[in-house]
Amino acid sequence: MVTIYGIRNCDTMKKAMRWLDEHGVDYRFHDYRKQGLDEKLLLGWEKELGWEALLNRRGMLWRKLPAATRETIDRESALACMRDNPGIIKRPLLDLGPRRLVGFSAEDYAAAFER
């Protein structure tokens, strides 16, 4: 089963879930603000995708971080931020089983679900 991770009120999440619905893809939604995020899962994502790809530097949570934190962010501090506040992870994160996609692109989703 495909799992999509993110937060419900995000516009990009809504676009991704609408795409999945319109293309008949069964999926499970995991709202990590409400359901939390397992650290082992986060570390697996980071190993596969890299912390830079996971960290949402465009969102409000990033802008709310102290300037000193933003300017000196590294792998360790980024993982701590994501663990403490998963809302700072780029959305959506689509878990396809053998691989993950971060962010939404209709083209990437279409390629991932080619039959």
N, C-alpha and C. Protein backbone atom coordinates (compact mmCIF):
# COMPACT_ATOMS: atom_id res chain seq x y z
N MET A 1 0.85 -1.19 0.00
CA MET A 1 0.00 0.00 0.00
C MET A 1 0.88 1.24 0.00
N VAL A 2 0.56 2.17 -0.85
CA VAL A 2 1.24 3.45 -0.94
C VAL A 2 0.83 4.30 0.26
N THR A 3 1.79 5.00 0.84
CA THR A 3 1.50 5.91 1.94
C THR A 3 1.98 7.29 1.56
N ILE A 4 1.13 8.29 1.81
CA ILE A 4 1.51 9.67 1.57
C ILE A 4 1.60 10.36 2.93
N TYR A 5 2.74 10.98 3.18
CA TYR A 5 3.01 11.65 4.45
C TYR A 5 2.97 13.15 4.27
N GLY A 6 2.40 13.83 5.25
CA GLY A 6 2.35 15.28 5.22
C GLY A 6 1.35 15.78 6.23
N ILE A 7 0.80 16.95 5.93
CA ILE A 7 -0.24 17.54 6.78
C ILE A 7 -1.44 17.86 5.90
N ARG A 8 -2.61 17.71 6.47
CA ARG A 8 -3.84 17.77 5.69
C ARG A 8 -4.09 19.13 5.04
N ASN A 9 -3.78 20.23 5.71
CA ASN A 9 -4.19 21.54 5.18
C ASN A 9 -3.19 22.16 4.21
N CYS A 10 -2.23 21.40 3.74
CA CYS A 10 -1.23 21.88 2.79
C CYS A 10 -1.78 21.80 1.37
N ASP A 11 -1.68 22.87 0.61
CA ASP A 11 -2.20 22.89 -0.76
C ASP A 11 -1.51 21.86 -1.66
N THR A 12 -0.21 21.69 -1.49
CA THR A 12 0.50 20.71 -2.31
C THR A 12 0.05 19.30 -1.97
N MET A 13 -0.23 19.05 -0.70
CA MET A 13 -0.76 17.74 -0.30
C MET A 13 -2.11 17.51 -0.97
N LYS A 14 -2.94 18.53 -0.99
CA LYS A 14 -4.26 18.40 -1.61
C LYS A 14 -4.13 18.08 -3.09
N LYS A 15 -3.20 18.72 -3.78
CA LYS A 15 -2.97 18.44 -5.21
C LYS A 15 -2.52 16.99 -5.40
N ALA A 16 -1.61 16.55 -4.57
CA ALA A 16 -1.08 15.18 -4.69
C ALA A 16 -2.18 14.15 -4.43
N MET A 17 -2.96 14.36 -3.38
CA MET A 17 -4.02 13.40 -3.06
C MET A 17 -5.12 13.42 -4.12
N ARG A 18 -5.40 14.59 -4.67
CA ARG A 18 -6.36 14.67 -5.77
C ARG A 18 -5.86 13.88 -6.98
N TRP A 19 -4.56 14.02 -7.29
CA TRP A 19 -3.98 13.27 -8.40
C TRP A 19 -4.10 11.77 -8.15
N LEU A 20 -3.78 11.33 -6.95
CA LEU A 20 -3.89 9.90 -6.62
C LEU A 20 -5.33 9.42 -6.75
N ASP A 21 -6.27 10.21 -6.24
CA ASP A 21 -7.69 9.84 -6.34
C ASP A 21 -8.13 9.75 -7.80
N GLU A 22 -7.77 10.76 -8.60
CA GLU A 22 -8.20 10.79 -10.00
C GLU A 22 -7.59 9.66 -10.83
N HIS A 23 -6.47 9.12 -10.37
CA HIS A 23 -5.81 8.04 -11.10
C HIS A 23 -6.03 6.67 -10.46
N GLY A 24 -6.97 6.62 -9.52
CA GLY A 24 -7.36 5.35 -8.92
C GLY A 24 -6.28 4.66 -8.11
N VAL A 25 -5.39 5.44 -7.51
CA VAL A 25 -4.32 4.87 -6.69
C VAL A 25 -4.81 4.77 -5.25
N ASP A 26 -4.80 3.55 -4.72
CA ASP A 26 -5.13 3.35 -3.31
C ASP A 26 -3.95 3.81 -2.47
N TYR A 27 -4.23 4.57 -1.44
CA TYR A 27 -3.16 5.06 -0.59
C TYR A 27 -3.68 5.26 0.83
N ARG A 28 -2.73 5.34 1.72
CA ARG A 28 -3.01 5.65 3.12
C ARG A 28 -2.37 7.01 3.38
N PHE A 29 -3.09 7.88 4.09
CA PHE A 29 -2.58 9.20 4.44
C PHE A 29 -2.09 9.18 5.88
N HIS A 30 -0.88 9.65 6.08
CA HIS A 30 -0.31 9.75 7.42
C HIS A 30 -0.03 11.22 7.70
N ASP A 31 -0.82 11.79 8.61
CA ASP A 31 -0.64 13.18 9.02
C ASP A 31 0.35 13.18 10.17
N TYR A 32 1.60 13.56 9.87
CA TYR A 32 2.58 13.46 10.93
C TYR A 32 2.49 14.55 11.97
N ARG A 33 1.67 15.52 11.78
CA ARG A 33 1.40 16.47 12.86
C ARG A 33 0.52 15.81 13.91
N LYS A 34 -0.44 15.01 13.45
CA LYS A 34 -1.36 14.35 14.38
C LYS A 34 -0.87 12.98 14.82
N GLN A 35 -0.23 12.24 13.91
CA GLN A 35 0.18 10.86 14.18
C GLN A 35 1.65 10.73 14.55
N GLY A 36 2.39 11.81 14.46
CA GLY A 36 3.80 11.76 14.78
C GLY A 36 4.62 11.15 13.66
N LEU A 37 5.91 11.06 13.90
CA LEU A 37 6.82 10.52 12.90
C LEU A 37 7.90 9.73 13.62
N ASP A 38 8.03 8.47 13.26
CA ASP A 38 9.01 7.58 13.84
C ASP A 38 10.42 8.01 13.42
N GLU A 39 11.33 8.10 14.36
CA GLU A 39 12.70 8.55 14.04
C GLU A 39 13.40 7.59 13.09
N LYS A 40 13.14 6.31 13.23
CA LYS A 40 13.76 5.33 12.33
C LYS A 40 13.32 5.58 10.88
N LEU A 41 12.05 5.91 10.70
CA LEU A 41 11.52 6.23 9.38
C LEU A 41 12.20 7.48 8.81
N LEU A 42 12.31 8.52 9.64
CA LEU A 42 12.96 9.76 9.22
C LEU A 42 14.41 9.49 8.80
N LEU A 43 15.13 8.71 9.57
CA LEU A 43 16.52 8.40 9.24
C LEU A 43 16.63 7.61 7.94
N GLY A 44 15.66 6.72 7.70
CA GLY A 44 15.64 5.99 6.43
C GLY A 44 15.41 6.92 5.25
N TRP A 45 14.49 7.87 5.41
CA TRP A 45 14.25 8.86 4.35
C TRP A 45 15.51 9.67 4.09
N GLU A 46 16.16 10.09 5.17
CA GLU A 46 17.36 10.91 5.03
C GLU A 46 18.46 10.14 4.32
N LYS A 47 18.59 8.87 4.64
CA LYS A 47 19.63 8.04 4.00
C LYS A 47 19.36 7.92 2.50
N GLU A 48 18.10 7.76 2.14
CA GLU A 48 17.73 7.60 0.73
C GLU A 48 17.74 8.92 -0.04
N LEU A 49 17.16 9.96 0.54
CA LEU A 49 16.92 11.21 -0.18
C LEU A 49 17.88 12.34 0.16
N GLY A 50 18.49 12.26 1.34
CA GLY A 50 19.35 13.35 1.82
C GLY A 50 18.56 14.36 2.62
N TRP A 51 19.17 14.91 3.64
CA TRP A 51 18.45 15.84 4.51
C TRP A 51 18.09 17.12 3.77
N GLU A 52 18.91 17.53 2.80
CA GLU A 52 18.62 18.77 2.07
C GLU A 52 17.32 18.66 1.27
N ALA A 53 17.06 17.47 0.71
CA ALA A 53 15.84 17.27 -0.08
C ALA A 53 14.61 17.23 0.83
N LEU A 54 14.78 16.81 2.05
CA LEU A 54 13.65 16.68 2.98
C LEU A 54 13.28 18.00 3.64
N LEU A 55 14.22 18.87 3.83
CA LEU A 55 14.00 20.10 4.58
C LEU A 55 13.30 21.15 3.71
N ASN A 56 12.13 21.58 4.17
CA ASN A 56 11.35 22.59 3.44
C ASN A 56 11.82 23.98 3.86
N ARG A 57 12.62 24.58 3.00
CA ARG A 57 13.16 25.91 3.30
C ARG A 57 12.26 27.02 2.78
N ARG A 58 11.09 26.68 2.27
CA ARG A 58 10.17 27.70 1.76
C ARG A 58 9.01 27.98 2.71
N GLY A 59 8.81 27.13 3.67
CA GLY A 59 7.62 27.22 4.51
C GLY A 59 7.75 28.17 5.68
N MET A 60 6.63 28.38 6.33
CA MET A 60 6.54 29.28 7.48
C MET A 60 7.40 28.77 8.64
N LEU A 61 7.42 27.45 8.85
CA LEU A 61 8.21 26.92 9.97
C LEU A 61 9.70 27.23 9.79
N TRP A 62 10.19 27.15 8.56
CA TRP A 62 11.58 27.49 8.30
C TRP A 62 11.83 28.96 8.62
N ARG A 63 10.93 29.83 8.16
CA ARG A 63 11.10 31.27 8.39
C ARG A 63 11.01 31.63 9.86
N LYS A 64 10.32 30.80 10.65
CA LYS A 64 10.19 31.07 12.09
C LYS A 64 11.43 30.65 12.88
N LEU A 65 12.29 29.83 12.28
CA LEU A 65 13.50 29.43 12.98
C LEU A 65 14.40 30.65 13.17
N PRO A 66 15.15 30.67 14.25
CA PRO A 66 16.09 31.79 14.44
C PRO A 66 17.08 31.85 13.27
N ALA A 67 17.47 33.06 12.91
CA ALA A 67 18.39 33.25 11.79
C ALA A 67 19.68 32.46 12.00
N ALA A 68 20.16 32.41 13.22
CA ALA A 68 21.40 31.67 13.50
C ALA A 68 21.24 30.19 13.19
N THR A 69 20.08 29.64 13.47
CA THR A 69 19.81 28.23 13.16
C THR A 69 19.76 28.02 11.66
N ARG A 70 19.06 28.90 10.95
CA ARG A 70 18.96 28.77 9.49
C ARG A 70 20.32 28.89 8.83
N GLU A 71 21.15 29.79 9.32
CA GLU A 71 22.45 30.04 8.69
C GLU A 71 23.47 28.94 8.95
N THR A 72 23.29 28.19 10.02
CA THR A 72 24.28 27.16 10.37
C THR A 72 23.69 25.75 10.27
N ILE A 73 22.57 25.60 9.60
CA ILE A 73 21.91 24.29 9.53
C ILE A 73 22.86 23.26 8.89
N ASP A 74 22.89 22.10 9.49
CA ASP A 74 23.65 20.98 8.96
C ASP A 74 22.81 19.73 9.14
N ARG A 75 23.36 18.59 8.77
CA ARG A 75 22.59 17.35 8.82
C ARG A 75 22.01 17.11 10.22
N GLU A 76 22.85 17.21 11.23
CA GLU A 76 22.41 16.91 12.59
C GLU A 76 21.31 17.86 13.06
N SER A 77 21.50 19.15 12.85
CA SER A 77 20.49 20.11 13.31
C SER A 77 19.22 20.03 12.47
N ALA A 78 19.36 19.73 11.17
CA ALA A 78 18.18 19.57 10.31
C ALA A 78 17.35 18.37 10.76
N LEU A 79 18.01 17.26 11.04
CA LEU A 79 17.28 16.07 11.51
C LEU A 79 16.61 16.35 12.84
N ALA A 80 17.26 17.08 13.72
CA ALA A 80 16.64 17.44 15.00
C ALA A 80 15.40 18.30 14.78
N CYS A 81 15.49 19.27 13.86
CA CYS A 81 14.32 20.11 13.54
C CYS A 81 13.17 19.27 13.00
N MET A 82 13.49 18.35 12.07
CA MET A 82 12.46 17.52 11.46
C MET A 82 11.85 16.55 12.48
N ARG A 83 12.66 16.03 13.36
CA ARG A 83 12.17 15.12 14.39
C ARG A 83 11.25 15.87 15.37
N ASP A 84 11.66 17.06 15.77
CA ASP A 84 10.89 17.84 16.75
C ASP A 84 9.64 18.46 16.14
N ASN A 85 9.70 18.78 14.85
CA ASN A 85 8.56 19.41 14.19
C ASN A 85 8.47 18.91 12.75
N PRO A 86 7.81 17.75 12.53
CA PRO A 86 7.76 17.17 11.19
C PRO A 86 7.12 18.07 10.14
N GLY A 87 6.41 19.11 10.55
CA GLY A 87 5.82 20.03 9.59
C GLY A 87 6.85 20.75 8.74
N ILE A 88 8.13 20.69 9.13
CA ILE A 88 9.18 21.36 8.37
C ILE A 88 9.72 20.45 7.26
N ILE A 89 9.20 19.23 7.17
CA ILE A 89 9.60 18.31 6.10
C ILE A 89 8.83 18.68 4.84
N LYS A 90 9.56 18.71 3.72
CA LYS A 90 8.94 19.03 2.43
C LYS A 90 7.80 18.05 2.15
N ARG A 91 6.72 18.57 1.61
CA ARG A 91 5.52 17.76 1.39
C ARG A 91 5.13 17.74 -0.07
N PRO A 92 4.43 16.68 -0.43
CA PRO A 92 4.23 15.43 0.29
C PRO A 92 5.45 14.53 0.16
N LEU A 93 5.50 13.55 1.03
CA LEU A 93 6.47 12.48 0.87
C LEU A 93 5.66 11.23 0.55
N LEU A 94 5.88 10.70 -0.63
CA LEU A 94 5.11 9.55 -1.11
C LEU A 94 5.97 8.31 -0.98
N ASP A 95 5.52 7.37 -0.17
CA ASP A 95 6.24 6.11 0.05
C ASP A 95 5.64 5.05 -0.86
N LEU A 96 6.41 4.65 -1.84
CA LEU A 96 5.96 3.66 -2.82
C LEU A 96 6.37 2.24 -2.45
N GLY A 97 7.00 2.09 -1.30
CA GLY A 97 7.52 0.79 -0.90
C GLY A 97 9.00 0.72 -1.17
N PRO A 98 9.39 0.43 -2.42
CA PRO A 98 10.83 0.33 -2.71
C PRO A 98 11.53 1.68 -2.83
N ARG A 99 10.77 2.76 -2.99
CA ARG A 99 11.38 4.09 -3.08
C ARG A 99 10.39 5.16 -2.67
N ARG A 100 10.90 6.37 -2.46
CA ARG A 100 10.10 7.49 -2.05
C ARG A 100 10.25 8.66 -3.00
N LEU A 101 9.19 9.47 -3.10
CA LEU A 101 9.23 10.72 -3.86
C LEU A 101 8.92 11.84 -2.88
N VAL A 102 9.64 12.94 -3.00
CA VAL A 102 9.37 14.09 -2.13
C VAL A 102 8.94 15.25 -3.01
N GLY A 103 7.90 15.96 -2.57
CA GLY A 103 7.32 17.02 -3.37
C GLY A 103 6.30 16.43 -4.32
N PHE A 104 5.57 17.30 -5.03
CA PHE A 104 4.57 16.80 -5.97
C PHE A 104 4.88 17.31 -7.37
N SER A 105 4.89 16.37 -8.29
CA SER A 105 4.98 16.66 -9.72
C SER A 105 4.08 15.64 -10.41
N ALA A 106 3.11 16.10 -11.17
CA ALA A 106 2.21 15.19 -11.87
C ALA A 106 3.00 14.25 -12.77
N GLU A 107 4.06 14.76 -13.40
CA GLU A 107 4.88 13.94 -14.28
C GLU A 107 5.60 12.83 -13.51
N ASP A 108 6.15 13.16 -12.35
CA ASP A 108 6.84 12.16 -11.53
C ASP A 108 5.86 11.10 -11.01
N TYR A 109 4.67 11.55 -10.62
CA TYR A 109 3.68 10.60 -10.14
C TYR A 109 3.24 9.68 -11.28
N ALA A 110 3.01 10.25 -12.46
CA ALA A 110 2.60 9.43 -13.61
C ALA A 110 3.67 8.38 -13.93
N ALA A 111 4.92 8.78 -13.90
CA ALA A 111 6.01 7.84 -14.18
C ALA A 111 6.10 6.77 -13.11
N ALA A 112 5.84 7.13 -11.87
CA ALA A 112 5.92 6.16 -10.78
C ALA A 112 4.82 5.12 -10.85
N PHE A 113 3.68 5.49 -11.43
CA PHE A 113 2.54 4.58 -11.45
C PHE A 113 2.25 4.01 -12.84
N GLU A 114 3.22 4.13 -13.76
CA GLU A 114 3.02 3.52 -15.08
C GLU A 114 2.83 2.02 -14.90
N ARG A 115 1.90 1.49 -15.67
CA ARG A 115 1.61 0.06 -15.53
C ARG A 115 2.12 -0.70 -16.72
